[in-house]
Amino acid sequence: MHTALKLTTFAAALAATFGTAYGVGNVIDPVVSDDKTTEAAQHGGHAADKEKDGGGGHGEGTEAVGGHAAELPGGLQTSEGGYTLDLKTSHIEAGAATELSFAIVKDSTGRNVTAYQREHEKELHLIVASRDLTVYRHLHPTRAADGTWSIPVELPKAGGYRVFADFKPTGAAEGLTLGSDLAVSGPYKPAELPKAAPTAIVDGYKVTLNGELRPGAGSELKLNVTKDGKSVRNLQPYLGAYGHLVALRSGDLAYLHVHPNGEPGDGRTKPGPEVSFTATAPSKGAYRLFLDFKHEGKVRTAAFTVHAGGTSAAAEPTTAEPTAEKHGSDGHGH
């Protein structure tokens, strides 16, 4: 990424404005984007080559292992590379259905971007995550002809949140991940980062993580999916792959967007039970991994806490809270 303007917004600023009344929660099913208004080019696996060479897509660190300066990880800036995330909905109420809207603005013209290159079957990927990393949503909003994106959301849990837009404008050399803060009013009760565990249980599926996230170096992460004690060998393609992985760093929510080693139809990648990724942590510290996988027509999200550059063992698997999940045809979350 090429940094044009650093405009990092902190959760503390939100706390000063809204006190302790924030919130986030489930998302209503989105509508598929209208492709007629763009001349989008197909483009897949924008992070895969970098990951295989030890890079992490949008997840390169602010400081290399040897102490040399490096690019900022994705999502820490509202403006970058000549583009700005204009979040038009910066505050909503907990438990109230609200339309979340935003636009990507080209700084040189001041106009909304209306032409995108498709990456992983979509023009834009929207991620909403709570600052405590206990709530996560991967969404695909609708884009209007004027470049305004929108999606209905219902966010029942109070707290500070970060909204990430992952996209590639038509003609751009590389993709961008921009971030902006979202506050949701309501009774606020802070939560601890979930403990590290090698397994996660969601909707009766057990997902086991093998491998370690390493700072400054690419490492393989293998996730194995089972149900009722049996290996799931018929995962369905989702966004052009058998799994989709996002990693967020605890504290500042630095964003790593990685994809599997292989894809459906390549002659070597099997549809489960294992999905393999290569990822690079930008620094030491705690991270939350969110794996999206599709089976029997439904997308589910398994979440893990991992520690890059350190160890933190936990014997018990984590289990998703039923009230914190709602999966749709295009949007889902944990």
Protein backbone atom coordinates (compact mmCIF):
# COMPACT_ATOMS: atom_id res chain seq x y z
CA MET A 1 0.00 0.00 0.00
CA HIS A 2 1.11 3.60 -0.61
CA THR A 3 0.19 5.89 2.26
CA ALA A 4 -1.16 9.31 1.27
CA LEU A 5 -2.68 10.50 4.52
CA LYS A 6 -2.73 8.97 7.96
CA LEU A 7 -6.00 9.63 9.71
CA THR A 8 -6.27 7.11 12.53
CA THR A 9 -9.36 7.36 14.74
CA PHE A 10 -9.19 5.88 18.22
CA ALA A 11 -11.90 4.30 20.33
CA ALA A 12 -10.92 6.67 23.12
CA ALA A 13 -12.21 9.57 21.07
CA LEU A 14 -15.55 7.82 20.83
CA ALA A 15 -15.61 7.26 24.56
CA ALA A 16 -15.07 10.96 25.13
CA THR A 17 -18.00 11.77 22.86
CA PHE A 18 -20.52 9.14 23.75
CA GLY A 19 -19.41 8.12 27.25
CA THR A 20 -19.94 4.46 27.86
CA ALA A 21 -22.95 4.09 25.60
CA TYR A 22 -21.94 2.08 22.55
CA GLY A 23 -23.00 -1.13 20.83
CA VAL A 24 -22.82 -3.56 17.95
CA GLY A 25 -24.65 -6.72 16.89
CA ASN A 26 -26.26 -8.77 14.19
CA VAL A 27 -26.72 -7.76 10.58
CA ILE A 28 -29.77 -8.15 8.38
CA ASP A 29 -29.17 -10.03 5.14
CA PRO A 30 -27.63 -7.77 2.48
CA VAL A 31 -28.59 -7.33 -1.16
CA VAL A 32 -26.22 -8.31 -3.96
CA SER A 33 -24.48 -5.36 -5.61
CA ASP A 34 -25.76 -4.06 -8.94
CA ASP A 35 -23.06 -4.82 -11.49
CA LYS A 36 -24.65 -2.81 -14.29
CA THR A 37 -23.24 0.45 -13.00
CA THR A 38 -19.62 -0.62 -13.22
CA GLU A 39 -17.13 -2.09 -15.61
CA ALA A 40 -15.60 -4.36 -13.03
CA ALA A 41 -12.78 -6.69 -14.00
CA GLN A 42 -12.51 -10.14 -12.50
CA HIS A 43 -9.55 -10.42 -10.15
CA GLY A 44 -8.98 -13.23 -7.69
CA GLY A 45 -6.50 -14.02 -4.98
CA HIS A 46 -5.00 -10.54 -4.55
CA ALA A 47 -3.24 -11.63 -1.38
CA ALA A 48 -2.33 -15.17 -2.31
CA ASP A 49 0.98 -14.49 -4.07
CA LYS A 50 2.18 -12.19 -1.32
CA GLU A 51 1.19 -14.72 1.31
CA LYS A 52 3.10 -17.54 -0.36
CA ASP A 53 6.19 -15.32 -0.39
CA GLY A 54 5.78 -14.56 3.30
CA GLY A 55 3.59 -11.48 2.96
CA GLY A 56 0.15 -11.12 4.44
CA GLY A 57 -1.83 -9.25 1.84
CA HIS A 58 -2.94 -6.10 3.62
CA GLY A 59 -1.29 -7.22 6.81
CA GLU A 60 2.28 -5.98 6.67
CA GLY A 61 3.53 -4.45 9.88
CA THR A 62 4.54 -1.00 10.97
CA GLU A 63 7.95 -2.28 11.96
CA ALA A 64 9.93 -5.16 10.57
CA VAL A 65 11.54 -7.73 12.85
CA GLY A 66 14.93 -6.06 12.39
CA GLY A 67 13.55 -2.70 13.45
CA HIS A 68 13.26 -1.23 9.95
CA ALA A 69 10.24 0.85 9.06
CA ALA A 70 7.55 -0.89 7.02
CA GLU A 71 4.10 -0.14 5.72
CA LEU A 72 1.23 0.21 8.14
CA PRO A 73 -1.15 -2.74 8.37
CA GLY A 74 -4.51 -2.34 6.69
CA GLY A 75 -7.49 -0.68 8.32
CA LEU A 76 -5.63 1.74 10.58
CA GLN A 77 -6.20 4.72 8.30
CA THR A 78 -9.34 6.40 7.02
CA SER A 79 -7.48 7.83 4.03
CA GLU A 80 -4.75 6.15 2.02
CA GLY A 81 -3.45 5.90 -1.52
CA GLY A 82 -5.59 8.81 -2.71
CA TYR A 83 -8.88 7.38 -1.37
CA THR A 84 -10.98 8.09 1.73
CA LEU A 85 -13.63 6.04 3.51
CA ASP A 86 -16.55 8.40 4.13
CA LEU A 87 -18.64 6.65 6.80
CA LYS A 88 -21.96 8.47 6.71
CA THR A 89 -23.36 6.45 9.63
CA SER A 90 -21.00 6.93 12.55
CA HIS A 91 -23.45 6.40 15.43
CA ILE A 92 -26.46 4.12 15.85
CA GLU A 93 -28.54 2.77 18.72
CA ALA A 94 -28.22 -0.73 20.07
CA GLY A 95 -31.08 -3.02 19.08
CA ALA A 96 -32.48 -0.67 16.46
CA ALA A 97 -32.51 -1.64 12.79
CA THR A 98 -30.45 1.00 11.00
CA GLU A 99 -29.06 1.49 7.52
CA LEU A 100 -25.27 1.68 7.56
CA SER A 101 -24.09 3.79 4.62
CA PHE A 102 -20.73 4.97 3.36
CA ALA A 103 -18.81 5.90 0.23
CA ILE A 104 -15.27 5.59 -1.07
CA VAL A 105 -14.12 9.04 -2.18
CA LYS A 106 -11.31 9.71 -4.63
CA ASP A 107 -9.33 12.50 -3.02
CA SER A 108 -8.16 14.15 -6.25
CA THR A 109 -11.71 14.71 -7.50
CA GLY A 110 -13.80 14.68 -4.30
CA ARG A 111 -16.20 12.30 -6.02
CA ASN A 112 -17.47 8.89 -4.96
CA VAL A 113 -15.84 5.92 -6.63
CA THR A 114 -18.30 4.04 -8.85
CA ALA A 115 -16.01 1.60 -10.67
CA TYR A 116 -14.33 -1.29 -8.86
CA GLN A 117 -12.42 -4.40 -9.78
CA ARG A 118 -14.05 -7.53 -8.41
CA GLU A 119 -11.93 -9.40 -5.93
CA HIS A 120 -13.08 -12.74 -4.55
CA GLU A 121 -16.38 -12.35 -6.41
CA LYS A 122 -17.26 -8.99 -4.88
CA GLU A 123 -16.56 -5.32 -5.59
CA LEU A 124 -16.16 -4.55 -1.91
CA HIS A 125 -15.93 -6.50 1.33
CA LEU A 126 -17.18 -4.81 4.49
CA ILE A 127 -16.01 -5.97 7.90
CA VAL A 128 -17.50 -4.74 11.18
CA ALA A 129 -15.74 -5.78 14.39
CA SER A 130 -16.11 -4.75 18.00
CA ARG A 131 -13.11 -3.23 19.75
CA ASP A 132 -13.10 -6.15 22.19
CA LEU A 133 -13.12 -8.57 19.21
CA THR A 134 -16.10 -10.52 20.52
CA VAL A 135 -18.38 -9.49 17.61
CA TYR A 136 -17.51 -9.83 13.93
CA ARG A 137 -19.44 -9.34 10.69
CA HIS A 138 -18.38 -9.94 7.09
CA LEU A 139 -20.87 -8.15 4.83
CA HIS A 140 -21.46 -7.32 1.19
CA PRO A 141 -23.50 -4.11 0.91
CA THR A 142 -25.37 -2.71 -2.07
CA ARG A 143 -23.84 0.09 -4.15
CA ALA A 144 -26.06 2.78 -5.63
CA ALA A 145 -25.32 4.45 -8.96
CA ASP A 146 -23.83 7.50 -7.18
CA GLY A 147 -21.27 5.33 -5.39
CA THR A 148 -23.00 5.21 -2.00
CA TRP A 149 -22.88 1.81 -0.33
CA SER A 150 -25.54 0.71 2.16
CA ILE A 151 -26.70 -2.29 4.16
CA PRO A 152 -29.32 -2.65 6.93
CA VAL A 153 -27.86 -3.62 10.28
CA GLU A 154 -29.18 -4.31 13.76
CA LEU A 155 -26.52 -4.00 16.42
CA PRO A 156 -27.72 -5.12 19.86
CA LYS A 157 -24.44 -5.15 21.79
CA ALA A 158 -22.97 -1.89 23.08
CA GLY A 159 -19.36 -0.92 22.54
CA GLY A 160 -16.91 0.76 20.19
CA TYR A 161 -16.48 -0.79 16.73
CA ARG A 162 -14.29 -0.54 13.67
CA VAL A 163 -15.67 -0.63 10.12
CA PHE A 164 -13.31 -1.87 7.38
CA ALA A 165 -13.79 -1.46 3.63
CA ASP A 166 -11.64 -3.82 1.53
CA PHE A 167 -11.69 -2.90 -2.17
CA LYS A 168 -9.76 -2.17 -5.37
CA PRO A 169 -10.84 0.71 -7.61
CA THR A 170 -10.75 0.07 -11.34
CA GLY A 171 -7.30 0.95 -12.66
CA ALA A 172 -5.63 0.87 -9.24
CA ALA A 173 -2.37 -1.01 -8.93
CA GLU A 174 -3.35 -2.70 -5.68
CA GLY A 175 -6.22 -3.07 -3.24
CA LEU A 176 -6.82 -1.00 -0.13
CA THR A 177 -8.31 -1.59 3.29
CA LEU A 178 -9.59 1.59 4.94
CA GLY A 179 -11.11 1.82 8.42
CA SER A 180 -13.37 4.11 10.42
CA ASP A 181 -14.91 3.98 13.89
CA LEU A 182 -18.55 3.25 14.65
CA ALA A 183 -20.30 3.90 17.97
CA VAL A 184 -23.53 2.25 19.06
CA SER A 185 -25.32 3.61 22.11
CA GLY A 186 -26.66 1.40 24.87
CA PRO A 187 -25.60 -0.07 28.21
CA TYR A 188 -21.91 -0.85 27.87
CA LYS A 189 -20.22 -3.76 29.59
CA PRO A 190 -16.59 -4.30 28.56
CA ALA A 191 -15.50 -7.83 27.70
CA GLU A 192 -12.13 -9.51 27.93
CA LEU A 193 -10.43 -10.88 24.83
CA PRO A 194 -11.51 -14.53 24.54
CA LYS A 195 -8.82 -16.94 25.73
CA ALA A 196 -6.66 -18.75 23.22
CA ALA A 197 -7.95 -22.23 22.31
CA PRO A 198 -7.11 -24.66 19.51
CA THR A 199 -10.75 -25.37 18.67
CA ALA A 200 -13.94 -23.42 18.09
CA ILE A 201 -17.50 -24.74 17.98
CA VAL A 202 -20.18 -23.06 15.86
CA ASP A 203 -23.61 -24.49 14.94
CA GLY A 204 -22.47 -28.02 15.78
CA TYR A 205 -19.29 -27.76 13.71
CA LYS A 206 -15.90 -28.17 15.36
CA VAL A 207 -13.02 -26.28 13.76
CA THR A 208 -9.47 -27.06 14.86
CA LEU A 209 -6.57 -24.68 14.27
CA ASN A 210 -3.07 -26.02 13.65
CA GLY A 211 -0.06 -23.77 13.16
CA GLU A 212 1.28 -20.58 14.69
CA LEU A 213 1.03 -16.97 13.61
CA ARG A 214 4.56 -15.55 13.46
CA PRO A 215 5.56 -11.86 13.48
CA GLY A 216 7.38 -10.72 10.37
CA ALA A 217 7.38 -14.13 8.68
CA GLY A 218 4.88 -16.14 6.69
CA SER A 219 3.49 -19.24 8.37
CA GLU A 220 0.92 -21.83 7.43
CA LEU A 221 -2.34 -22.03 9.34
CA LYS A 222 -4.42 -25.17 8.83
CA LEU A 223 -8.05 -25.31 9.89
CA ASN A 224 -9.85 -28.65 10.02
CA VAL A 225 -13.66 -28.79 9.94
CA THR A 226 -15.68 -31.65 11.45
CA LYS A 227 -19.35 -32.21 12.31
CA ASP A 228 -20.70 -34.85 14.68
CA GLY A 229 -17.21 -36.31 14.93
CA LYS A 230 -16.89 -36.78 11.16
CA SER A 231 -14.65 -34.87 8.78
CA VAL A 232 -16.48 -32.44 6.49
CA ARG A 233 -15.21 -33.31 3.01
CA ASN A 234 -17.75 -31.37 0.95
CA LEU A 235 -17.22 -27.73 1.86
CA GLN A 236 -18.80 -25.40 -0.67
CA PRO A 237 -16.97 -22.60 -2.47
CA TYR A 238 -17.42 -19.23 -0.81
CA LEU A 239 -16.00 -16.09 -2.43
CA GLY A 240 -14.05 -18.31 -4.81
CA ALA A 241 -12.44 -20.44 -2.11
CA TYR A 242 -13.23 -23.07 0.52
CA GLY A 243 -12.54 -20.62 3.31
CA HIS A 244 -12.01 -16.95 4.00
CA LEU A 245 -9.79 -15.72 6.83
CA VAL A 246 -9.46 -12.31 8.46
CA ALA A 247 -7.09 -11.58 11.35
CA LEU A 248 -7.40 -8.52 13.60
CA ARG A 249 -4.75 -7.41 16.07
CA SER A 250 -5.99 -6.82 19.60
CA GLY A 251 -5.65 -3.20 20.66
CA ASP A 252 -5.63 -1.21 17.42
CA LEU A 253 -7.49 -3.75 15.24
CA ALA A 254 -4.82 -3.83 12.52
CA TYR A 255 -6.34 -5.82 9.66
CA LEU A 256 -4.90 -8.86 7.89
CA HIS A 257 -6.89 -10.28 4.98
CA VAL A 258 -5.60 -13.65 3.81
CA HIS A 259 -6.93 -16.42 1.60
CA PRO A 260 -6.37 -20.16 1.25
CA ASN A 261 -3.43 -21.89 -0.38
CA GLY A 262 -5.36 -23.16 -3.38
CA GLU A 263 -8.84 -22.74 -4.81
CA PRO A 264 -11.72 -24.87 -6.09
CA GLY A 265 -11.05 -26.38 -9.49
CA ASP A 266 -7.27 -26.05 -9.41
CA GLY A 267 -6.86 -29.84 -9.47
CA ARG A 268 -5.13 -30.08 -6.11
CA THR A 269 -7.30 -28.37 -3.50
CA LYS A 270 -9.82 -30.63 -1.79
CA PRO A 271 -13.17 -29.38 -0.43
CA GLY A 272 -12.24 -30.14 3.16
CA PRO A 273 -11.87 -31.12 5.81
CA GLU A 274 -8.72 -28.97 5.89
CA VAL A 275 -8.36 -25.41 4.65
CA SER A 276 -4.82 -24.03 4.50
CA PHE A 277 -3.73 -20.39 4.70
CA THR A 278 -0.44 -18.52 4.77
CA ALA A 279 -0.36 -15.39 6.92
CA THR A 280 2.16 -12.95 8.38
CA ALA A 281 1.63 -11.07 11.65
CA PRO A 282 2.87 -7.46 11.49
CA SER A 283 4.07 -7.61 15.09
CA LYS A 284 4.05 -9.63 18.30
CA GLY A 285 0.82 -9.65 20.25
CA ALA A 286 -2.66 -11.13 20.45
CA TYR A 287 -4.81 -11.57 17.35
CA ARG A 288 -8.32 -12.76 16.70
CA LEU A 289 -8.80 -15.00 13.66
CA PHE A 290 -12.19 -15.29 11.93
CA LEU A 291 -12.71 -18.18 9.51
CA ASP A 292 -15.72 -18.09 7.18
CA PHE A 293 -16.68 -21.43 5.63
CA LYS A 294 -19.74 -22.64 3.76
CA HIS A 295 -21.47 -25.99 4.16
CA GLU A 296 -24.98 -27.15 3.32
CA GLY A 297 -25.79 -23.76 1.86
CA LYS A 298 -24.92 -21.69 4.94
CA VAL A 299 -21.88 -19.58 5.79
CA ARG A 300 -20.57 -19.88 9.33
CA THR A 301 -17.79 -18.11 11.21
CA ALA A 302 -15.36 -19.78 13.61
CA ALA A 303 -13.21 -17.49 15.76
CA PHE A 304 -9.87 -18.07 17.49
CA THR A 305 -7.54 -16.04 19.69
CA VAL A 306 -3.86 -16.58 18.91
CA HIS A 307 -0.62 -15.02 20.13
CA ALA A 308 2.09 -14.15 17.63
CA GLY A 309 5.59 -14.38 19.05
CA GLY A 310 4.37 -15.97 22.26
CA THR A 311 2.38 -18.87 23.64
CA SER A 312 -0.90 -18.95 25.48
CA ALA A 313 -2.47 -22.35 25.96
CA ALA A 314 -6.12 -23.04 26.67
CA ALA A 315 -7.70 -26.45 26.97
CA GLU A 316 -11.35 -25.65 26.39
CA PRO A 317 -12.77 -24.85 22.93
CA THR A 318 -14.56 -21.58 22.38
CA THR A 319 -18.26 -21.67 21.53
CA ALA A 320 -20.09 -18.99 19.61
CA GLU A 321 -23.00 -17.36 21.41
CA PRO A 322 -26.26 -18.15 19.56
CA THR A 323 -27.59 -14.63 20.11
CA ALA A 324 -24.50 -13.11 18.52
CA GLU A 325 -24.91 -14.83 15.17
CA LYS A 326 -27.03 -14.29 12.15
CA HIS A 327 -26.05 -15.65 8.75
CA GLY A 328 -27.54 -14.59 5.48
CA SER A 329 -26.95 -15.37 1.83
CA ASP A 330 -24.29 -12.69 1.62
CA GLY A 331 -23.58 -11.50 5.11
CA HIS A 332 -22.73 -13.36 8.25
CA GLY A 333 -21.01 -12.89 11.51
CA HIS A 334 -19.83 -14.08 14.86
